[in-house]
């Protein structure tokens, strides 16, 4: 049996929004402040005098001025439909920030006005976390995410006449600071690129559409030596910022860094004392903050393109020194929040071996489910050629 054979790549996502948010309803209708208040209050399950209703109303009035400048009613309706899709809680799992909602509308209006393709940049680590049993190459989690992103963007891809581009933006140049050998990261890059090509082919075959998806590499956009120099310049201020955190905040920073730091990797640090090792991990975390700041400085033109909308997973929600309120935060699949490069992909099947959910499990979740996981032999020779991680299909019931 091959559970990937029967229309796995057929996109069945609905293009209709049966539950339109208050913000979209307000933007679609003529200006009526009191009606807006009622819609917002109802969505927030509060009264019209609530302060957060006024805050949301102020945002809506700001957005209303922007959308009303679009002269074509057809463009205006399409822009609002796209905005509604991009803000859908079904795909994000939480509300997007006010500043990102406003920025997203700006990007859509610019694209329509200037007849430009809409570019979506999904920023990701560009490596497989060493805790994953599939390390260092891709597994089903990457495949699940590509499918999820296609479902998310499908109504835009199939209706926007100036084209849609999805750029998977790999920041693998930064993982070296976690003592991960570059050779393992290179294996991930190669397998990811092959999987993306495979996925595009399958989607086109089953949906009769053309996808413009690509992998872009941060390290190819500048001289790495320029990056390292800028990181050194940022290090003192980032070190100071870490030192000024509360103990609770420092523990949060440390915990995230520890999950990415490979003790016996490029160098073997297994002989260090606990204190020495912890200092190495903290240093890696501070370097990661330096990378985010320095990388943005060097690639500001890339991130700030007028027709480019940034997308992120969960990492942007975790405490960090660099601003992260510049993208839409999304789940990884309908059932998972774990970032795909951190986790491991597992199918959940029903009693008839039909797919119920596509799960991406964190290291802790995987350990909890490990004894429940069974395997089917894959019959997809193309997929197996990409990585041995696709030889078997992991599933739970």
Protein backbone atom coordinates (compact mmCIF):
# COMPACT_ATOMS: atom_id res chain seq x y z
CA UNK A 1 0.00 0.00 0.00
CA UNK A 2 1.21 3.49 -0.80
CA UNK A 3 -0.63 6.20 1.15
CA UNK A 4 0.98 8.91 -1.01
CA UNK A 5 -0.45 7.53 -4.23
CA UNK A 6 -4.13 8.47 -3.93
CA UNK A 7 -4.29 12.20 -4.55
CA UNK A 8 -1.91 13.16 -1.76
CA UNK A 9 -0.76 16.08 -3.88
CA UNK A 10 -4.25 17.12 -4.97
CA UNK A 11 -4.95 20.52 -3.42
CA UNK A 12 -8.48 20.52 -2.04
CA UNK A 13 -8.34 23.69 0.04
CA UNK A 14 -11.46 25.83 -0.04
CA UNK A 15 -11.19 29.23 -1.74
CA UNK A 16 -14.17 30.58 0.17
CA UNK A 17 -13.94 32.20 3.57
CA UNK A 18 -17.12 31.21 5.40
CA UNK A 19 -15.93 32.96 8.57
CA UNK A 20 -14.79 36.47 7.66
CA UNK A 21 -12.97 38.37 10.41
CA UNK A 22 -14.28 41.69 11.70
CA UNK A 23 -11.34 43.53 10.19
CA UNK A 24 -12.16 42.27 6.69
CA UNK A 25 -15.91 42.90 7.10
CA UNK A 26 -15.16 46.50 8.05
CA UNK A 27 -12.84 47.02 5.11
CA UNK A 28 -15.40 45.56 2.70
CA UNK A 29 -18.17 47.93 3.79
CA UNK A 30 -18.75 51.66 3.80
CA UNK A 31 -17.47 53.59 6.79
CA UNK A 32 -19.83 53.20 9.75
CA UNK A 33 -17.91 53.62 12.99
CA UNK A 34 -20.61 52.32 15.31
CA UNK A 35 -21.21 49.25 13.16
CA UNK A 36 -17.47 48.62 13.11
CA UNK A 37 -17.40 48.78 16.92
CA UNK A 38 -20.16 46.18 17.16
CA UNK A 39 -18.43 43.78 14.77
CA UNK A 40 -15.10 44.11 16.59
CA UNK A 41 -16.69 43.74 20.03
CA UNK A 42 -18.54 40.63 18.89
CA UNK A 43 -15.33 39.05 17.59
CA UNK A 44 -13.53 39.88 20.85
CA UNK A 45 -16.54 38.76 22.89
CA UNK A 46 -16.54 42.03 24.81
CA UNK A 47 -18.41 45.36 24.92
CA UNK A 48 -17.97 48.28 22.53
CA UNK A 49 -16.36 50.40 25.27
CA UNK A 50 -13.46 47.98 25.74
CA UNK A 51 -10.09 49.64 25.09
CA UNK A 52 -8.96 46.87 22.76
CA UNK A 53 -12.00 47.53 20.56
CA UNK A 54 -10.83 51.13 20.13
CA UNK A 55 -7.30 49.99 19.35
CA UNK A 56 -8.54 47.63 16.64
CA UNK A 57 -10.90 50.33 15.32
CA UNK A 58 -7.97 52.74 14.95
CA UNK A 59 -6.12 50.12 12.90
CA UNK A 60 -9.15 49.47 10.70
CA UNK A 61 -9.61 53.17 9.98
CA UNK A 62 -5.95 53.38 8.99
CA UNK A 63 -6.34 50.38 6.68
CA UNK A 64 -9.62 51.75 5.33
CA UNK A 65 -7.86 54.87 4.09
CA UNK A 66 -5.32 52.70 2.29
CA UNK A 67 -7.77 50.35 0.58
CA UNK A 68 -10.07 53.19 -0.43
CA UNK A 69 -7.24 54.58 -2.56
CA UNK A 70 -7.51 51.51 -4.81
CA UNK A 71 -9.65 52.76 -7.69
CA UNK A 72 -10.55 49.43 -9.28
CA UNK A 73 -13.37 47.70 -7.42
CA UNK A 74 -12.21 44.36 -8.84
CA UNK A 75 -8.69 44.89 -7.48
CA UNK A 76 -10.04 46.10 -4.16
CA UNK A 77 -12.17 42.99 -3.70
CA UNK A 78 -9.32 40.70 -4.70
CA UNK A 79 -6.86 42.45 -2.37
CA UNK A 80 -9.24 42.05 0.56
CA UNK A 81 -9.84 38.40 -0.29
CA UNK A 82 -6.08 37.84 -0.29
CA UNK A 83 -5.64 39.73 2.96
CA UNK A 84 -8.39 37.66 4.54
CA UNK A 85 -6.64 34.49 3.45
CA UNK A 86 -3.26 35.60 4.74
CA UNK A 87 -4.69 36.55 8.14
CA UNK A 88 -6.77 33.39 8.52
CA UNK A 89 -6.48 31.89 12.00
CA UNK A 90 -6.91 28.48 10.35
CA UNK A 91 -3.34 28.70 9.10
CA UNK A 92 -1.71 30.90 11.73
CA UNK A 93 -3.36 29.59 14.88
CA UNK A 94 -3.13 33.07 16.42
CA UNK A 95 -3.77 36.70 15.58
CA UNK A 96 -1.18 38.55 13.53
CA UNK A 97 0.26 41.83 14.82
CA UNK A 98 -1.31 45.14 13.85
CA UNK A 99 1.91 46.35 12.24
CA UNK A 100 2.18 43.21 10.10
CA UNK A 101 -1.45 43.43 9.01
CA UNK A 102 -0.84 46.98 7.84
CA UNK A 103 2.42 46.04 6.11
CA UNK A 104 0.80 43.07 4.36
CA UNK A 105 -1.93 45.31 2.96
CA UNK A 106 0.74 47.76 1.73
CA UNK A 107 2.55 44.93 -0.08
CA UNK A 108 -0.64 43.68 -1.73
CA UNK A 109 -1.69 47.14 -2.87
CA UNK A 110 1.79 47.81 -4.29
CA UNK A 111 1.82 44.52 -6.19
CA UNK A 112 -1.59 45.17 -7.77
CA UNK A 113 -0.86 48.81 -8.57
CA UNK A 114 2.50 48.05 -10.18
CA UNK A 115 1.47 44.74 -11.79
CA UNK A 116 4.20 42.89 -9.92
CA UNK A 117 4.26 39.26 -8.80
CA UNK A 118 3.56 38.73 -5.11
CA UNK A 119 6.65 37.23 -3.49
CA UNK A 120 6.31 35.20 -0.30
CA UNK A 121 9.54 34.63 1.61
CA UNK A 122 9.49 31.77 4.09
CA UNK A 123 12.52 32.22 6.31
CA UNK A 124 13.81 29.01 7.88
CA UNK A 125 16.89 27.53 9.53
CA UNK A 126 18.10 25.61 6.48
CA UNK A 127 19.20 22.53 8.42
CA UNK A 128 17.73 19.46 10.14
CA UNK A 129 18.00 19.52 13.92
CA UNK A 130 20.38 16.82 15.12
CA UNK A 131 17.74 15.47 17.56
CA UNK A 132 15.63 14.31 14.62
CA UNK A 133 16.15 10.65 13.61
CA UNK A 134 16.30 11.85 10.01
CA UNK A 135 19.29 14.16 10.63
CA UNK A 136 20.95 15.51 8.56
CA UNK A 137 18.54 15.27 5.60
CA UNK A 138 14.92 16.17 4.93
CA UNK A 139 12.03 13.91 5.92
CA UNK A 140 8.24 14.01 5.63
CA UNK A 141 8.04 17.18 7.73
CA UNK A 142 9.47 19.23 4.86
CA UNK A 143 7.04 17.58 2.44
CA UNK A 144 4.13 18.31 4.79
CA UNK A 145 5.12 21.95 5.01
CA UNK A 146 5.41 22.40 1.26
CA UNK A 147 1.92 20.97 0.91
CA UNK A 148 0.59 23.16 3.72
CA UNK A 149 2.06 26.31 2.18
CA UNK A 150 0.53 25.40 -1.17
CA UNK A 151 -2.90 24.94 0.41
CA UNK A 152 -2.47 28.26 2.21
CA UNK A 153 -1.47 30.21 -0.90
CA UNK A 154 -3.52 28.26 -3.46
CA UNK A 155 -6.39 30.80 -3.86
CA UNK A 156 -3.78 33.49 -4.56
CA UNK A 157 -1.61 31.33 -6.81
CA UNK A 158 -4.60 30.36 -8.98
CA UNK A 159 -6.18 33.82 -9.32
CA UNK A 160 -3.49 36.51 -9.21
CA UNK A 161 -2.73 37.38 -12.80
CA UNK A 162 0.76 38.77 -12.23
CA UNK A 163 2.11 35.61 -10.63
CA UNK A 164 3.12 34.31 -7.21
CA UNK A 165 6.63 33.33 -6.13
CA UNK A 166 7.43 31.37 -2.97
CA UNK A 167 11.03 31.63 -1.80
CA UNK A 168 12.20 29.19 0.86
CA UNK A 169 14.93 31.34 2.38
CA UNK A 170 17.65 29.22 3.99
CA UNK A 171 19.78 30.70 6.76
CA UNK A 172 22.01 27.63 7.03
CA UNK A 173 25.08 29.86 7.25
CA UNK A 174 24.15 30.51 10.89
CA UNK A 175 23.96 26.89 12.10
CA UNK A 176 27.75 26.55 12.12
CA UNK A 177 27.79 28.65 15.29
CA UNK A 178 25.97 25.77 17.01
CA UNK A 179 28.97 23.48 16.38
CA UNK A 180 27.16 21.68 13.56
CA UNK A 181 29.53 20.54 10.77
CA UNK A 182 28.97 22.29 7.45
CA UNK A 183 29.07 18.97 5.62
CA UNK A 184 25.87 17.83 7.36
CA UNK A 185 24.18 21.14 6.57
CA UNK A 186 25.19 20.76 2.93
CA UNK A 187 23.47 17.37 2.84
CA UNK A 188 20.28 19.00 4.07
CA UNK A 189 20.48 21.70 1.39
CA UNK A 190 20.95 19.15 -1.38
CA UNK A 191 18.08 16.96 -0.17
CA UNK A 192 15.78 19.96 0.37
CA UNK A 193 16.37 21.21 -3.16
CA UNK A 194 15.63 17.77 -4.61
CA UNK A 195 12.48 17.44 -2.52
CA UNK A 196 11.25 20.86 -3.63
CA UNK A 197 11.74 19.89 -7.29
CA UNK A 198 9.89 16.62 -6.67
CA UNK A 199 7.04 18.41 -4.89
CA UNK A 200 6.59 21.01 -7.64
CA UNK A 201 6.41 18.24 -10.24
CA UNK A 202 3.78 16.30 -8.26
CA UNK A 203 1.62 19.36 -7.62
CA UNK A 204 1.73 20.31 -11.28
CA UNK A 205 0.77 16.77 -12.34
CA UNK A 206 -2.23 16.51 -10.00
CA UNK A 207 -3.49 20.11 -10.19
CA UNK A 208 -2.54 21.27 -13.69
CA UNK A 209 -0.87 24.44 -12.42
CA UNK A 210 2.64 25.85 -12.52
CA UNK A 211 4.39 26.65 -9.26
CA UNK A 212 7.19 29.18 -8.98
CA UNK A 213 8.90 27.87 -5.83
CA UNK A 214 12.61 28.20 -5.21
CA UNK A 215 15.26 27.74 -2.55
CA UNK A 216 17.33 30.87 -1.92
CA UNK A 217 20.46 30.87 0.22
CA UNK A 218 21.47 33.70 2.54
CA UNK A 219 25.17 32.88 2.08
CA UNK A 220 24.89 33.49 -1.68
CA UNK A 221 23.67 37.07 -1.19
CA UNK A 222 26.82 38.46 0.41
CA UNK A 223 30.43 37.71 1.22
CA UNK A 224 30.39 35.55 4.38
CA UNK A 225 33.42 37.47 5.66
CA UNK A 226 31.33 40.66 5.65
CA UNK A 227 28.76 38.82 7.75
CA UNK A 228 31.32 37.61 10.29
CA UNK A 229 32.78 41.12 10.61
CA UNK A 230 29.38 42.66 11.27
CA UNK A 231 28.55 39.93 13.77
CA UNK A 232 31.70 40.80 15.73
CA UNK A 233 30.59 44.42 15.80
CA UNK A 234 27.22 43.42 17.25
CA UNK A 235 28.58 40.95 19.80
CA UNK A 236 29.30 43.38 22.70
CA UNK A 237 25.81 44.90 22.58
CA UNK A 238 24.12 41.48 22.31
CA UNK A 239 26.23 40.19 25.20
CA UNK A 240 25.13 43.18 27.26
CA UNK A 241 21.51 42.58 26.33
CA UNK A 242 21.76 38.98 27.50
CA UNK A 243 23.45 40.02 30.76
CA UNK A 244 20.63 42.48 31.45
CA UNK A 245 17.90 39.85 31.08
CA UNK A 246 16.20 38.42 34.13
CA UNK A 247 17.16 34.90 35.17
CA UNK A 248 13.85 33.64 33.80
CA UNK A 249 14.48 35.31 30.43
CA UNK A 250 18.04 33.97 30.30
CA UNK A 251 16.73 30.45 30.88
CA UNK A 252 14.36 30.84 27.92
CA UNK A 253 17.22 32.00 25.67
CA UNK A 254 19.43 29.16 26.93
CA UNK A 255 16.78 26.46 26.48
CA UNK A 256 16.28 27.31 22.79
CA UNK A 257 20.03 27.43 22.19
CA UNK A 258 20.63 24.09 23.90
CA UNK A 259 18.25 22.27 21.54
CA UNK A 260 20.35 23.39 18.55
CA UNK A 261 23.85 23.03 19.98
CA UNK A 262 25.69 19.86 18.95
CA UNK A 263 28.13 18.92 21.73
CA UNK A 264 30.23 16.56 19.61
CA UNK A 265 30.13 18.23 16.21
CA UNK A 266 32.69 20.37 14.44
CA UNK A 267 34.57 20.25 17.74
CA UNK A 268 34.19 17.74 20.56
CA UNK A 269 33.07 19.56 23.70
CA UNK A 270 32.03 16.45 25.61
CA UNK A 271 35.03 16.80 27.94
CA UNK A 272 33.98 20.25 29.19
CA UNK A 273 32.53 20.88 32.60
CA UNK A 274 28.85 21.77 32.80
CA UNK A 275 29.69 25.43 33.37
CA UNK A 276 32.11 25.52 30.44
CA UNK A 277 29.60 23.84 28.15
CA UNK A 278 26.81 26.18 29.22
CA UNK A 279 29.03 29.15 28.39
CA UNK A 280 29.62 27.69 24.92
CA UNK A 281 25.86 27.33 24.42
CA UNK A 282 25.20 30.89 25.59
CA UNK A 283 27.93 32.11 23.23
CA UNK A 284 26.18 30.26 20.38
CA UNK A 285 22.87 31.92 21.26
CA UNK A 286 24.42 35.38 21.35
CA UNK A 287 26.06 34.67 18.00
CA UNK A 288 22.64 33.72 16.63
CA UNK A 289 21.30 37.12 17.71
CA UNK A 290 24.31 38.78 16.10
CA UNK A 291 23.63 36.86 12.91
CA UNK A 292 20.00 38.01 12.74
CA UNK A 293 21.02 41.64 13.12
CA UNK A 294 24.04 41.51 10.81
CA UNK A 295 22.24 39.46 8.17
CA UNK A 296 19.39 41.96 8.05
CA UNK A 297 21.85 44.83 7.64
CA UNK A 298 23.48 43.10 4.68
CA UNK A 299 20.21 41.96 3.06
CA UNK A 300 17.86 44.79 3.81
CA UNK A 301 17.07 45.18 0.12
CA UNK A 302 16.08 41.51 -0.05
CA UNK A 303 13.71 41.65 2.93
CA UNK A 304 12.28 45.08 2.15
CA UNK A 305 11.19 44.47 -1.45
CA UNK A 306 7.89 46.30 -1.93
CA UNK A 307 6.12 43.22 -3.29
CA UNK A 308 7.61 40.68 -0.84
CA UNK A 309 5.70 39.37 2.19
CA UNK A 310 7.73 37.57 4.84
CA UNK A 311 6.43 34.37 6.43
CA UNK A 312 7.80 32.66 9.52
CA UNK A 313 7.13 29.63 11.67
CA UNK A 314 7.24 29.67 15.45
CA UNK A 315 10.81 30.86 15.98
CA UNK A 316 9.83 34.50 15.56
CA UNK A 317 7.54 34.20 18.56
CA UNK A 318 10.34 33.13 20.89
CA UNK A 319 12.35 35.74 22.84
CA UNK A 320 15.16 37.27 20.84
CA UNK A 321 17.01 40.55 20.57
CA UNK A 322 16.32 41.19 16.90
CA UNK A 323 12.91 42.47 15.76
CA UNK A 324 10.67 39.66 14.53
CA UNK A 325 7.46 41.60 13.92
CA UNK A 326 8.14 41.80 10.20
CA UNK A 327 6.39 38.67 8.98
CA UNK A 328 3.26 36.57 9.26
CA UNK A 329 3.64 33.69 11.71
CA UNK A 330 2.15 30.39 10.56
CA UNK A 331 1.63 26.87 11.81
CA UNK A 332 3.64 24.12 10.10
CA UNK A 333 0.66 21.92 9.25
CA UNK A 334 -2.99 22.04 10.24
CA UNK A 335 -2.19 19.90 13.27
CA UNK A 336 1.35 21.04 14.18
CA UNK A 337 3.26 24.12 15.31
CA UNK A 338 6.75 22.58 15.41
CA UNK A 339 8.99 24.10 12.75
CA UNK A 340 9.63 21.55 10.00
CA UNK A 341 13.44 21.71 10.14
CA UNK A 342 13.33 21.14 13.90
CA UNK A 343 10.82 18.28 13.85
CA UNK A 344 10.09 14.89 12.34
CA UNK A 345 7.18 14.14 9.99
CA UNK A 346 4.72 11.40 10.97
CA UNK A 347 1.39 10.42 9.41
CA UNK A 348 -1.68 9.79 11.53
CA UNK A 349 -3.91 7.16 9.87
CA UNK A 350 -7.44 5.96 10.55
CA UNK A 351 -8.52 2.31 10.82
CA UNK A 352 -8.70 2.10 7.01
CA UNK A 353 -5.17 3.48 6.64
CA UNK A 354 -6.37 6.80 5.28
CA UNK A 355 -4.47 9.94 6.26
CA UNK A 356 -6.15 11.87 9.07
CA UNK A 357 -3.35 14.28 9.94
CA UNK A 358 0.16 15.21 8.89
CA UNK A 359 2.12 15.72 12.09
CA UNK A 360 5.47 17.38 12.70
CA UNK A 361 6.76 16.21 16.07
CA UNK A 362 9.32 17.99 18.22
CA UNK A 363 12.06 15.93 19.87
CA UNK A 364 10.00 15.62 23.06
CA UNK A 365 6.82 14.74 21.16
CA UNK A 366 8.70 12.16 19.09
CA UNK A 367 10.09 10.49 22.20
CA UNK A 368 6.59 10.34 23.69
CA UNK A 369 5.17 8.71 20.53
CA UNK A 370 8.20 6.61 19.59
CA UNK A 371 6.76 3.29 20.75
CA UNK A 372 3.51 3.94 18.85
CA UNK A 373 5.16 4.55 15.48
CA UNK A 374 4.81 1.89 12.80
CA UNK A 375 6.21 1.86 9.28
CA UNK A 376 5.05 1.09 5.78
CA UNK A 377 7.41 0.45 2.91
CA UNK A 378 7.38 3.28 0.42
CA UNK A 379 6.72 2.50 -3.23
CA UNK A 380 7.73 5.93 -4.49
CA UNK A 381 11.11 5.41 -6.15
CA UNK A 382 11.52 9.13 -6.90
CA UNK A 383 11.00 10.07 -3.28
CA UNK A 384 13.30 7.33 -2.01
CA UNK A 385 16.00 8.56 -4.39
CA UNK A 386 15.99 11.92 -2.61
CA UNK A 387 16.87 10.47 0.80
CA UNK A 388 16.83 7.15 2.60
CA UNK A 389 14.52 8.91 5.08
CA UNK A 390 11.72 8.19 2.59
CA UNK A 391 12.34 4.46 2.33
CA UNK A 392 9.74 3.91 5.03
CA UNK A 393 6.54 5.79 5.82
CA UNK A 394 6.19 6.43 9.59
CA UNK A 395 2.66 6.51 10.99
CA UNK A 396 0.60 6.28 14.16
CA UNK A 397 -3.08 5.50 14.70
